[in-house]
């Protein structure tokens, strides 16, 4: 059970950094005007790539931990990766999205926010060495990640579905 919990915590931390693989270049930030869908997708891909890069030091450390690591040692790594995720999420939310796509993007942002909240619960469980709570939340993050990924793909946000 202990090993499974640590593995799930590590997997959840790595899920936070799942963004990437998009070949689009980022442009300059969009002043105050609304972006077209193509511009929004390009800028969103850049935000996701930058977020993934910022999370790498945390996820690399999690992957290098031995199997019998005290889950309290995982907590600061989860908190650090989560902080980077929240920064990226806020940056993405600040992009001037196409008005006609508001409902679809709001659904994606709501899914991403649910995932962030679950990952915060996971970090809290790790800080408290609450393995049962951590294992439960880690299992829940799989469905939340899948939901965010589907919504991102539906809009065309390749690489942003599981970064937050």
Protein backbone atom coordinates (compact mmCIF):
# COMPACT_ATOMS: atom_id res chain seq x y z
CA UNK A 1 0.00 0.00 0.00
CA UNK A 2 2.77 2.43 0.93
CA UNK A 3 4.63 1.88 -2.32
CA UNK A 4 1.40 2.22 -4.31
CA UNK A 5 0.59 5.53 -2.63
CA UNK A 6 4.03 6.99 -3.32
CA UNK A 7 3.80 5.79 -6.91
CA UNK A 8 0.39 7.42 -7.32
CA UNK A 9 1.65 10.65 -5.81
CA UNK A 10 4.54 10.64 -8.22
CA UNK A 11 2.23 9.82 -11.11
CA UNK A 12 -0.06 12.68 -10.16
CA UNK A 13 2.87 15.06 -9.99
CA UNK A 14 3.97 13.90 -13.41
CA UNK A 15 0.43 14.31 -14.73
CA UNK A 16 0.66 17.96 -13.81
CA UNK A 17 3.52 18.27 -16.29
CA UNK A 18 1.83 16.47 -19.16
CA UNK A 19 1.76 19.44 -21.52
CA UNK A 20 3.93 19.59 -24.59
CA UNK A 21 4.44 18.23 -28.04
CA UNK A 22 2.96 21.17 -29.92
CA UNK A 23 5.00 22.56 -32.78
CA UNK A 24 3.38 25.97 -32.98
CA UNK A 25 5.48 29.06 -32.31
CA UNK A 26 4.42 31.58 -29.75
CA UNK A 27 3.78 35.13 -30.82
CA UNK A 28 3.89 38.36 -28.89
CA UNK A 29 1.30 38.81 -26.21
CA UNK A 30 -2.02 40.10 -27.37
CA UNK A 31 -2.33 43.67 -26.09
CA UNK A 32 -5.95 44.15 -25.17
CA UNK A 33 -7.77 42.98 -28.31
CA UNK A 34 -9.52 39.69 -28.70
CA UNK A 35 -7.49 36.96 -30.38
CA UNK A 36 -8.68 34.81 -33.22
CA UNK A 37 -9.06 31.11 -32.45
CA UNK A 38 -5.80 30.33 -34.27
CA UNK A 39 -3.94 33.05 -32.36
CA UNK A 40 -5.40 31.88 -29.06
CA UNK A 41 -4.36 28.27 -29.74
CA UNK A 42 -0.83 29.37 -30.67
CA UNK A 43 -0.43 31.49 -27.53
CA UNK A 44 -1.99 28.77 -25.36
CA UNK A 45 0.51 26.23 -26.70
CA UNK A 46 3.34 28.56 -25.69
CA UNK A 47 1.91 28.95 -22.19
CA UNK A 48 1.63 25.18 -21.82
CA UNK A 49 5.19 24.60 -23.05
CA UNK A 50 6.51 27.23 -20.64
CA UNK A 51 4.52 25.73 -17.78
CA UNK A 52 5.87 22.27 -18.50
CA UNK A 53 9.44 23.60 -18.51
CA UNK A 54 8.84 25.32 -15.17
CA UNK A 55 7.48 22.08 -13.69
CA UNK A 56 10.37 19.88 -14.85
CA UNK A 57 12.62 20.40 -11.81
CA UNK A 58 9.82 19.15 -9.55
CA UNK A 59 8.72 16.21 -11.66
CA UNK A 60 12.34 15.13 -12.23
CA UNK A 61 12.90 15.05 -8.47
CA UNK A 62 9.72 13.02 -7.92
CA UNK A 63 10.76 10.47 -10.52
CA UNK A 64 14.17 10.06 -8.83
CA UNK A 65 12.78 9.37 -5.36
CA UNK A 66 13.21 5.81 -4.07
CA UNK A 67 10.09 3.67 -3.73
CA UNK A 68 10.07 3.79 0.05
CA UNK A 69 10.26 7.57 0.26
CA UNK A 70 8.25 9.17 3.05
CA UNK A 71 5.31 10.82 1.30
CA UNK A 72 6.00 14.02 3.26
CA UNK A 73 9.11 14.38 1.08
CA UNK A 74 6.89 14.31 -2.01
CA UNK A 75 4.64 17.10 -0.73
CA UNK A 76 6.95 20.08 -1.38
CA UNK A 77 7.56 18.79 -4.90
CA UNK A 78 3.84 18.53 -5.53
CA UNK A 79 3.33 22.01 -4.09
CA UNK A 80 6.09 23.42 -6.31
CA UNK A 81 4.71 21.81 -9.48
CA UNK A 82 1.21 22.92 -8.52
CA UNK A 83 2.43 26.51 -8.10
CA UNK A 84 3.83 26.45 -11.61
CA UNK A 85 0.57 24.97 -12.89
CA UNK A 86 -1.45 27.73 -11.27
CA UNK A 87 0.82 30.40 -12.78
CA UNK A 88 0.38 28.87 -16.22
CA UNK A 89 -3.37 28.51 -15.73
CA UNK A 90 -3.66 32.17 -14.75
CA UNK A 91 -1.60 33.21 -17.75
CA UNK A 92 -3.82 31.15 -20.04
CA UNK A 93 -6.98 32.60 -18.50
CA UNK A 94 -5.59 36.10 -19.10
CA UNK A 95 -5.33 35.56 -22.86
CA UNK A 96 -8.05 37.54 -24.68
CA UNK A 97 -10.08 34.58 -25.94
CA UNK A 98 -12.41 34.71 -28.94
CA UNK A 99 -15.83 35.75 -27.68
CA UNK A 100 -17.64 33.18 -29.83
CA UNK A 101 -15.69 30.40 -28.10
CA UNK A 102 -16.42 31.53 -24.53
CA UNK A 103 -18.65 28.58 -23.58
CA UNK A 104 -16.24 25.97 -24.89
CA UNK A 105 -13.22 27.60 -23.24
CA UNK A 106 -15.12 28.09 -19.98
CA UNK A 107 -15.81 24.33 -19.94
CA UNK A 108 -12.10 23.64 -20.42
CA UNK A 109 -11.08 26.13 -17.75
CA UNK A 110 -13.59 24.65 -15.29
CA UNK A 111 -12.18 21.17 -15.93
CA UNK A 112 -8.61 22.44 -15.49
CA UNK A 113 -9.60 24.19 -12.26
CA UNK A 114 -11.13 20.98 -10.88
CA UNK A 115 -7.87 19.20 -11.65
CA UNK A 116 -5.82 21.91 -9.93
CA UNK A 117 -8.05 21.70 -6.86
CA UNK A 118 -7.63 17.91 -6.73
CA UNK A 119 -3.86 18.24 -7.04
CA UNK A 120 -3.90 20.70 -4.15
CA UNK A 121 -5.84 18.11 -2.12
CA UNK A 122 -3.20 15.56 -3.09
CA UNK A 123 -0.39 17.83 -1.91
CA UNK A 124 -2.24 18.43 1.36
CA UNK A 125 -2.67 14.69 1.88
CA UNK A 126 1.04 14.19 1.28
CA UNK A 127 1.94 16.96 3.74
CA UNK A 128 -0.22 15.24 6.36
CA UNK A 129 1.13 11.77 5.47
CA UNK A 130 -2.48 10.76 4.86
CA UNK A 131 -1.88 7.85 2.49
CA UNK A 132 -5.53 6.78 2.11
CA UNK A 133 -6.62 10.32 1.21
CA UNK A 134 -3.66 10.70 -1.14
CA UNK A 135 -4.43 7.43 -2.89
CA UNK A 136 -8.09 8.39 -3.29
CA UNK A 137 -7.28 11.80 -4.76
CA UNK A 138 -4.60 10.33 -7.02
CA UNK A 139 -7.20 7.95 -8.49
CA UNK A 140 -9.63 10.85 -8.99
CA UNK A 141 -7.03 12.92 -10.85
CA UNK A 142 -6.99 10.35 -13.65
CA UNK A 143 -10.62 11.09 -14.56
CA UNK A 144 -10.14 14.82 -14.07
CA UNK A 145 -7.08 14.81 -16.32
CA UNK A 146 -9.01 12.88 -18.97
CA UNK A 147 -11.89 15.36 -18.80
CA UNK A 148 -9.59 18.37 -19.19
CA UNK A 149 -7.75 16.64 -22.04
CA UNK A 150 -10.96 15.93 -23.95
CA UNK A 151 -12.14 19.52 -23.56
CA UNK A 152 -8.76 20.87 -24.66
CA UNK A 153 -8.71 18.59 -27.70
CA UNK A 154 -12.28 19.51 -28.60
CA UNK A 155 -11.20 23.15 -28.81
CA UNK A 156 -7.91 22.39 -30.56
CA UNK A 157 -5.58 23.03 -27.62
CA UNK A 158 -3.04 20.36 -28.41
CA UNK A 159 -0.75 19.84 -25.45
CA UNK A 160 -2.76 21.76 -22.86
CA UNK A 161 -5.21 19.12 -21.75
CA UNK A 162 -3.28 17.76 -18.82
CA UNK A 163 -0.87 20.52 -17.92
CA UNK A 164 -3.10 22.08 -15.29
